[in-house]
Amino acid sequence: MHAKDILIDAYGRIQEEVHATVEGLDPDDLHARPVPDANSIAWLIWHLTRIQDDHVAGVSGLDQVWPAQGWEKRFGLDLPRHDTGYGHSPAKVAKVRVDSGELLTGYYDAVHEQTLGYLRGLAAKDFEQVVDERWDPPVTLGARLISVLSDDLQHVGQAAYVRGLIQSAAS
């Protein structure tokens, strides 16, 4: 199996978990926070999607899906255009509000499709290319794609945990 095939499978698992976590939740559930400083499901899914969108666009030379496909306007958040949620305070987390889970999964699916299209075109040698020299050692494409994968998996796991807390409290 080629490295790109492993990544395609792994990113597909993120998509499955995003949908499973959001499915059937109403806006109150999506915005619920177990404690005031915690992240909501809506914020976690939006953030992981923004990070994937930002980072994959950054290494691929493609435009971010967020502005290019009109998702920024559909969400209508009171945040700067290129905000990814990194370092958000509890007050900024509260600004990420959506009317439905379909908005979150729709944006994720659009980013996922762009990510898969990029991954499908990669050759083995591409993963060794340095994409960020600000770090020591410099970051290769392979390391960046794994970093995004790791971040996304952590956040979708957090969102699934919050969903479990909400459902336990409701029963």
Protein backbone atom coordinates (compact mmCIF):
# COMPACT_ATOMS: atom_id res chain seq x y z
CA MET A 1 0.00 0.00 0.00
CA HIS A 2 1.30 3.44 -0.93
CA ALA A 3 1.57 6.15 1.74
CA LYS A 4 -1.04 8.25 -0.04
CA ASP A 5 -3.49 5.33 0.15
CA ILE A 6 -2.96 5.09 3.90
CA LEU A 7 -3.59 8.83 4.24
CA ILE A 8 -6.70 8.65 2.06
CA ASP A 9 -8.05 5.90 4.31
CA ALA A 10 -7.15 7.81 7.47
CA TYR A 11 -8.75 11.06 6.31
CA GLY A 12 -11.82 9.02 5.35
CA ARG A 13 -12.07 7.85 8.95
CA ILE A 14 -12.12 11.46 10.11
CA GLN A 15 -15.03 12.12 7.76
CA GLU A 16 -16.92 9.11 9.15
CA GLU A 17 -16.39 10.31 12.72
CA VAL A 18 -17.39 13.89 11.92
CA HIS A 19 -20.70 12.66 10.51
CA ALA A 20 -21.29 10.18 13.36
CA THR A 21 -20.61 12.86 15.96
CA VAL A 22 -22.86 15.54 14.45
CA GLU A 23 -25.72 13.34 13.18
CA GLY A 24 -29.07 14.00 14.81
CA LEU A 25 -27.93 16.86 17.04
CA ASP A 26 -29.96 20.04 17.23
CA PRO A 27 -28.35 23.49 17.52
CA ASP A 28 -28.61 23.46 21.33
CA ASP A 29 -26.64 20.21 21.45
CA LEU A 30 -24.09 21.46 18.93
CA HIS A 31 -23.41 24.55 21.08
CA ALA A 32 -23.57 22.92 24.51
CA ARG A 33 -20.40 23.21 26.57
CA PRO A 34 -19.90 20.84 29.51
CA VAL A 35 -18.33 23.73 31.45
CA PRO A 36 -18.12 27.41 30.47
CA ASP A 37 -14.50 27.20 29.27
CA ALA A 38 -14.98 23.98 27.26
CA ASN A 39 -15.29 23.77 23.50
CA SER A 40 -18.63 22.94 21.90
CA ILE A 41 -19.15 20.26 19.27
CA ALA A 42 -19.83 23.00 16.71
CA TRP A 43 -16.55 24.73 17.51
CA LEU A 44 -14.52 21.50 17.52
CA ILE A 45 -15.84 20.35 14.14
CA TRP A 46 -15.53 23.83 12.62
CA HIS A 47 -11.98 24.19 13.97
CA LEU A 48 -10.72 20.81 12.80
CA THR A 49 -12.17 21.52 9.38
CA ARG A 50 -10.63 25.00 9.24
CA ILE A 51 -7.21 23.58 10.20
CA GLN A 52 -7.42 20.89 7.52
CA ASP A 53 -8.59 23.45 4.96
CA ASP A 54 -5.88 25.95 5.87
CA HIS A 55 -2.98 23.51 6.11
CA VAL A 56 -3.78 21.39 3.06
CA ALA A 57 -4.38 24.51 0.95
CA GLY A 58 -1.08 25.85 2.23
CA VAL A 59 0.93 22.86 1.01
CA SER A 60 -1.05 22.17 -2.15
CA GLY A 61 -1.21 25.68 -3.58
CA LEU A 62 -5.00 25.38 -3.78
CA ASP A 63 -7.39 28.02 -2.48
CA GLN A 64 -8.97 27.40 0.89
CA VAL A 65 -12.47 26.01 0.54
CA TRP A 66 -13.72 28.37 3.31
CA PRO A 67 -13.68 31.56 1.19
CA ALA A 68 -13.41 30.04 -2.30
CA GLN A 69 -16.60 27.97 -2.10
CA GLY A 70 -18.60 30.46 -0.04
CA TRP A 71 -18.56 28.59 3.28
CA GLU A 72 -17.38 31.72 5.10
CA LYS A 73 -20.55 33.51 4.01
CA ARG A 74 -22.81 30.52 4.76
CA PHE A 75 -21.50 30.32 8.32
CA GLY A 76 -21.66 34.10 8.82
CA LEU A 77 -19.40 34.04 11.87
CA ASP A 78 -18.27 37.22 13.57
CA LEU A 79 -14.61 36.26 13.16
CA PRO A 80 -11.75 37.37 10.90
CA ARG A 81 -11.83 35.81 7.43
CA HIS A 82 -8.83 33.51 7.86
CA ASP A 83 -9.49 32.58 11.49
CA THR A 84 -9.02 28.86 12.13
CA GLY A 85 -9.86 28.88 15.81
CA TYR A 86 -6.27 28.43 16.93
CA GLY A 87 -5.85 29.99 20.38
CA HIS A 88 -9.52 30.94 20.74
CA SER A 89 -10.66 32.20 24.11
CA PRO A 90 -13.94 30.89 25.56
CA ALA A 91 -15.64 34.05 24.26
CA LYS A 92 -14.45 33.39 20.72
CA VAL A 93 -15.48 29.72 20.98
CA ALA A 94 -18.98 30.97 21.80
CA LYS A 95 -19.04 32.95 18.52
CA VAL A 96 -18.96 29.75 16.47
CA ARG A 97 -22.67 29.07 16.13
CA VAL A 98 -24.46 27.16 13.40
CA ASP A 99 -28.08 26.52 12.54
CA SER A 100 -27.55 22.84 11.79
CA GLY A 101 -25.14 19.96 11.76
CA GLU A 102 -25.58 19.81 8.00
CA LEU A 103 -23.68 23.08 7.68
CA LEU A 104 -20.74 21.60 9.60
CA THR A 105 -20.71 18.32 7.70
CA GLY A 106 -21.21 20.10 4.38
CA TYR A 107 -18.13 22.22 4.95
CA TYR A 108 -16.15 19.23 6.18
CA ASP A 109 -17.18 17.18 3.12
CA ALA A 110 -16.07 19.98 0.76
CA VAL A 111 -12.67 20.20 2.49
CA HIS A 112 -12.41 16.42 2.53
CA GLU A 113 -12.97 16.24 -1.23
CA GLN A 114 -10.27 18.83 -1.86
CA THR A 115 -7.90 16.96 0.46
CA LEU A 116 -8.54 13.63 -1.28
CA GLY A 117 -8.06 15.19 -4.70
CA TYR A 118 -4.69 16.53 -3.59
CA LEU A 119 -3.62 13.27 -1.94
CA ARG A 120 -4.52 11.20 -5.01
CA GLY A 121 -2.05 13.20 -7.09
CA LEU A 122 0.94 12.68 -4.82
CA ALA A 123 3.95 10.48 -5.59
CA ALA A 124 6.11 8.81 -2.94
CA LYS A 125 8.91 11.36 -3.41
CA ASP A 126 6.51 14.25 -2.72
CA PHE A 127 6.25 13.35 0.97
CA GLU A 128 9.92 14.26 1.48
CA GLN A 129 9.49 17.82 0.17
CA VAL A 130 10.12 20.49 2.81
CA VAL A 131 7.01 22.65 3.16
CA ASP A 132 7.89 24.74 6.24
CA GLU A 133 11.41 25.87 7.13
CA ARG A 134 10.35 27.78 10.26
CA TRP A 135 10.90 24.62 12.35
CA ASP A 136 14.00 22.68 13.32
CA PRO A 137 14.04 20.25 11.68
CA PRO A 138 12.13 21.67 8.72
CA VAL A 139 8.67 20.18 8.17
CA THR A 140 8.17 17.81 5.26
CA LEU A 141 4.91 17.34 3.40
CA GLY A 142 4.52 13.91 4.98
CA ALA A 143 4.98 15.32 8.48
CA ARG A 144 2.50 18.16 7.82
CA LEU A 145 -0.19 15.80 6.52
CA ILE A 146 0.26 13.53 9.55
CA SER A 147 0.14 16.56 11.86
CA VAL A 148 -3.20 17.64 10.39
CA LEU A 149 -4.48 14.08 10.64
CA SER A 150 -3.47 13.87 14.30
CA ASP A 151 -5.04 17.22 15.16
CA ASP A 152 -8.28 16.32 13.39
CA LEU A 153 -8.53 12.94 15.11
CA GLN A 154 -7.98 14.51 18.52
CA HIS A 155 -10.67 17.13 17.95
CA VAL A 156 -13.25 14.75 16.50
CA GLY A 157 -12.63 12.49 19.51
CA GLN A 158 -13.20 15.44 21.82
CA ALA A 159 -16.43 16.27 19.99
CA ALA A 160 -17.62 12.66 20.30
CA TYR A 161 -16.86 12.79 24.03
CA VAL A 162 -18.88 16.00 24.42
CA ARG A 163 -21.73 14.33 22.51
CA GLY A 164 -21.63 11.44 25.00
CA LEU A 165 -21.74 13.86 27.93
CA ILE A 166 -24.73 15.69 26.43
CA GLN A 167 -26.59 12.47 25.74
CA SER A 168 -25.87 11.11 29.23
CA ALA A 169 -27.15 14.28 30.83
CA ALA A 170 -30.33 14.12 28.75
CA SER A 171 -31.19 10.56 29.75
